[in-house]
Amino acid sequence: MSFALNLAGTVLIVLGAVVFALAGVGLLRLPDLYSRISAITTASGLGLALILLGVLLHEPSTLNAAKALLAIVVNLATAAVGGHALGRAGYLTGARLSDRTRYDHLSQ
């Protein structure tokens, strides 16, 4: 394996880990459930894609590329649905909106 592929793979894995770490900070710092869900679902799509692409560069093969692509597509397809379901469940159980939220379009 070439040094360039190994280095690029490591950089992508570290960037993916940084995205997940920033999402963890968002869990602690963001004001309400809805903002936290948004941070986590966004980070899961980008962070997982970066990590899987980095791993693929470490172990390149057609089979690994197919597995990584499938995992990324499934994650992107299900993260949005899961985030929506969590937000809806939070809203229906009365999770408070942040004081900075100006509009509640679902309250009508």
C-alpha atoms as a PDB file:
ATOM      1  CA  MET A   1       0.000   0.000   0.000  1.00  0.00           C
ATOM      2  CA  SER A   2       1.293   3.423  -0.820  1.00  0.00           C
ATOM      3  CA  PHE A   3       2.184   5.952   1.803  1.00  0.00           C
ATOM      4  CA  ALA A   4      -0.156   8.532   0.240  1.00  0.00           C
ATOM      5  CA  LEU A   5      -3.217   6.255   0.530  1.00  0.00           C
ATOM      6  CA  ASN A   6      -2.329   5.387   4.103  1.00  0.00           C
ATOM      7  CA  LEU A   7      -1.876   9.044   5.032  1.00  0.00           C
ATOM      8  CA  ALA A   8      -5.101  10.124   3.308  1.00  0.00           C
ATOM      9  CA  GLY A   9      -6.991   7.308   5.026  1.00  0.00           C
ATOM     10  CA  THR A  10      -5.659   8.317   8.418  1.00  0.00           C
ATOM     11  CA  VAL A  11      -6.551  11.974   7.809  1.00  0.00           C
ATOM     12  CA  LEU A  12     -10.125  11.026   6.848  1.00  0.00           C
ATOM     13  CA  ILE A  13     -10.528   8.805   9.916  1.00  0.00           C
ATOM     14  CA  VAL A  14      -9.275  11.576  12.204  1.00  0.00           C
ATOM     15  CA  LEU A  15     -11.576  14.123  10.539  1.00  0.00           C
ATOM     16  CA  GLY A  16     -14.526  11.772  11.031  1.00  0.00           C
ATOM     17  CA  ALA A  17     -13.631  11.376  14.691  1.00  0.00           C
ATOM     18  CA  VAL A  18     -13.412  15.165  15.048  1.00  0.00           C
ATOM     19  CA  VAL A  19     -16.886  15.531  13.529  1.00  0.00           C
ATOM     20  CA  PHE A  20     -18.257  13.055  16.085  1.00  0.00           C
ATOM     21  CA  ALA A  21     -16.423  14.856  18.909  1.00  0.00           C
ATOM     22  CA  LEU A  22     -17.934  18.180  17.842  1.00  0.00           C
ATOM     23  CA  ALA A  23     -21.365  16.568  17.795  1.00  0.00           C
ATOM     24  CA  GLY A  24     -20.717  15.418  21.356  1.00  0.00           C
ATOM     25  CA  VAL A  25     -19.905  18.996  22.331  1.00  0.00           C
ATOM     26  CA  GLY A  26     -23.140  20.025  20.628  1.00  0.00           C
ATOM     27  CA  LEU A  27     -25.055  17.591  22.813  1.00  0.00           C
ATOM     28  CA  LEU A  28     -23.761  19.413  25.850  1.00  0.00           C
ATOM     29  CA  ARG A  29     -23.971  22.975  24.563  1.00  0.00           C
ATOM     30  CA  LEU A  30     -27.079  23.219  22.391  1.00  0.00           C
ATOM     31  CA  PRO A  31     -30.198  24.566  24.104  1.00  0.00           C
ATOM     32  CA  ASP A  32     -32.933  22.045  23.342  1.00  0.00           C
ATOM     33  CA  LEU A  33     -33.733  18.552  22.167  1.00  0.00           C
ATOM     34  CA  TYR A  34     -34.404  19.618  18.598  1.00  0.00           C
ATOM     35  CA  SER A  35     -31.039  21.337  18.131  1.00  0.00           C
ATOM     36  CA  ARG A  36     -29.261  18.347  19.643  1.00  0.00           C
ATOM     37  CA  ILE A  37     -31.033  15.934  17.309  1.00  0.00           C
ATOM     38  CA  SER A  38     -30.045  18.092  14.349  1.00  0.00           C
ATOM     39  CA  ALA A  39     -26.393  18.115  15.419  1.00  0.00           C
ATOM     40  CA  ILE A  40     -26.238  14.361  15.906  1.00  0.00           C
ATOM     41  CA  THR A  41     -28.007  13.373  12.686  1.00  0.00           C
ATOM     42  CA  THR A  42     -25.864  15.739  10.628  1.00  0.00           C
ATOM     43  CA  ALA A  43     -22.671  14.548  12.274  1.00  0.00           C
ATOM     44  CA  SER A  44     -23.562  10.911  11.840  1.00  0.00           C
ATOM     45  CA  GLY A  45     -23.853  11.319   8.092  1.00  0.00           C
ATOM     46  CA  LEU A  46     -20.620  13.233   7.618  1.00  0.00           C
ATOM     47  CA  GLY A  47     -18.587  11.544  10.359  1.00  0.00           C
ATOM     48  CA  LEU A  48     -19.456   8.004   9.354  1.00  0.00           C
ATOM     49  CA  ALA A  49     -18.811   8.734   5.674  1.00  0.00           C
ATOM     50  CA  LEU A  50     -15.374  10.172   6.447  1.00  0.00           C
ATOM     51  CA  ILE A  51     -14.414   7.261   8.683  1.00  0.00           C
ATOM     52  CA  LEU A  52     -15.598   4.619   6.221  1.00  0.00           C
ATOM     53  CA  LEU A  53     -13.804   6.291   3.324  1.00  0.00           C
ATOM     54  CA  GLY A  54     -10.655   6.451   5.429  1.00  0.00           C
ATOM     55  CA  VAL A  55     -10.892   2.764   6.261  1.00  0.00           C
ATOM     56  CA  LEU A  56     -11.478   2.033   2.587  1.00  0.00           C
ATOM     57  CA  LEU A  57      -8.245   3.829   1.711  1.00  0.00           C
ATOM     58  CA  HIS A  58      -6.414   1.684   4.262  1.00  0.00           C
ATOM     59  CA  GLU A  59      -7.873  -1.563   2.855  1.00  0.00           C
ATOM     60  CA  PRO A  60      -8.843  -0.857  -0.765  1.00  0.00           C
ATOM     61  CA  SER A  61     -10.800  -3.550  -2.588  1.00  0.00           C
ATOM     62  CA  THR A  62     -13.957  -3.765  -4.631  1.00  0.00           C
ATOM     63  CA  LEU A  63     -15.772  -5.650  -1.875  1.00  0.00           C
ATOM     64  CA  ASN A  64     -14.772  -3.107   0.767  1.00  0.00           C
ATOM     65  CA  ALA A  65     -15.842  -0.251  -1.524  1.00  0.00           C
ATOM     66  CA  ALA A  66     -19.255  -1.863  -1.993  1.00  0.00           C
ATOM     67  CA  LYS A  67     -19.628  -2.367   1.771  1.00  0.00           C
ATOM     68  CA  ALA A  68     -18.606   1.217   2.538  1.00  0.00           C
ATOM     69  CA  LEU A  69     -20.938   2.628  -0.089  1.00  0.00           C
ATOM     70  CA  LEU A  70     -23.837   0.537   1.176  1.00  0.00           C
ATOM     71  CA  ALA A  71     -23.180   1.568   4.788  1.00  0.00           C
ATOM     72  CA  ILE A  72     -23.009   5.250   3.836  1.00  0.00           C
ATOM     73  CA  VAL A  73     -26.215   5.106   1.792  1.00  0.00           C
ATOM     74  CA  VAL A  74     -28.109   3.223   4.517  1.00  0.00           C
ATOM     75  CA  ASN A  75     -26.881   5.659   7.173  1.00  0.00           C
ATOM     76  CA  LEU A  76     -27.850   8.726   5.135  1.00  0.00           C
ATOM     77  CA  ALA A  77     -31.265   7.249   4.385  1.00  0.00           C
ATOM     78  CA  THR A  78     -32.067   6.251   7.947  1.00  0.00           C
ATOM     79  CA  ALA A  79     -30.474   9.090   9.937  1.00  0.00           C
ATOM     80  CA  ALA A  80     -32.956  11.650   8.650  1.00  0.00           C
ATOM     81  CA  VAL A  81     -35.919   9.383   9.358  1.00  0.00           C
ATOM     82  CA  GLY A  82     -34.616   8.558  12.824  1.00  0.00           C
ATOM     83  CA  GLY A  83     -33.968  12.207  13.624  1.00  0.00           C
ATOM     84  CA  HIS A  84     -37.467  13.126  12.500  1.00  0.00           C
ATOM     85  CA  ALA A  85     -38.985  10.345  14.611  1.00  0.00           C
ATOM     86  CA  LEU A  86     -37.031  11.465  17.677  1.00  0.00           C
ATOM     87  CA  GLY A  87     -38.039  15.089  17.160  1.00  0.00           C
ATOM     88  CA  ARG A  88     -41.692  14.152  16.706  1.00  0.00           C
ATOM     89  CA  ALA A  89     -41.645  11.966  19.805  1.00  0.00           C
ATOM     90  CA  GLY A  90     -40.052  14.792  21.772  1.00  0.00           C
ATOM     91  CA  TYR A  91     -42.637  17.268  20.562  1.00  0.00           C
ATOM     92  CA  LEU A  92     -45.565  14.968  21.314  1.00  0.00           C
ATOM     93  CA  THR A  93     -44.267  14.312  24.839  1.00  0.00           C
ATOM     94  CA  GLY A  94     -43.852  18.024  25.519  1.00  0.00           C
ATOM     95  CA  ALA A  95     -40.103  18.612  25.216  1.00  0.00           C
ATOM     96  CA  ARG A  96     -39.486  22.308  25.738  1.00  0.00           C
ATOM     97  CA  LEU A  97     -38.440  24.527  22.865  1.00  0.00           C
ATOM     98  CA  SER A  98     -35.528  26.875  23.399  1.00  0.00           C
ATOM     99  CA  ASP A  99     -36.376  30.431  24.440  1.00  0.00           C
ATOM    100  CA  ARG A 100     -34.723  31.535  21.190  1.00  0.00           C
ATOM    101  CA  THR A 101     -37.272  29.604  19.101  1.00  0.00           C
ATOM    102  CA  ARG A 102     -39.587  32.165  17.540  1.00  0.00           C
ATOM    103  CA  TYR A 103     -42.165  30.025  15.778  1.00  0.00           C
ATOM    104  CA  ASP A 104     -43.921  26.808  16.661  1.00  0.00           C
ATOM    105  CA  HIS A 105     -45.709  25.866  13.468  1.00  0.00           C
ATOM    106  CA  LEU A 106     -47.087  22.661  14.953  1.00  0.00           C
ATOM    107  CA  SER A 107     -48.968  24.332  17.818  1.00  0.00           C
ATOM    108  CA  GLN A 108     -51.978  25.359  15.689  1.00  0.00           C
END
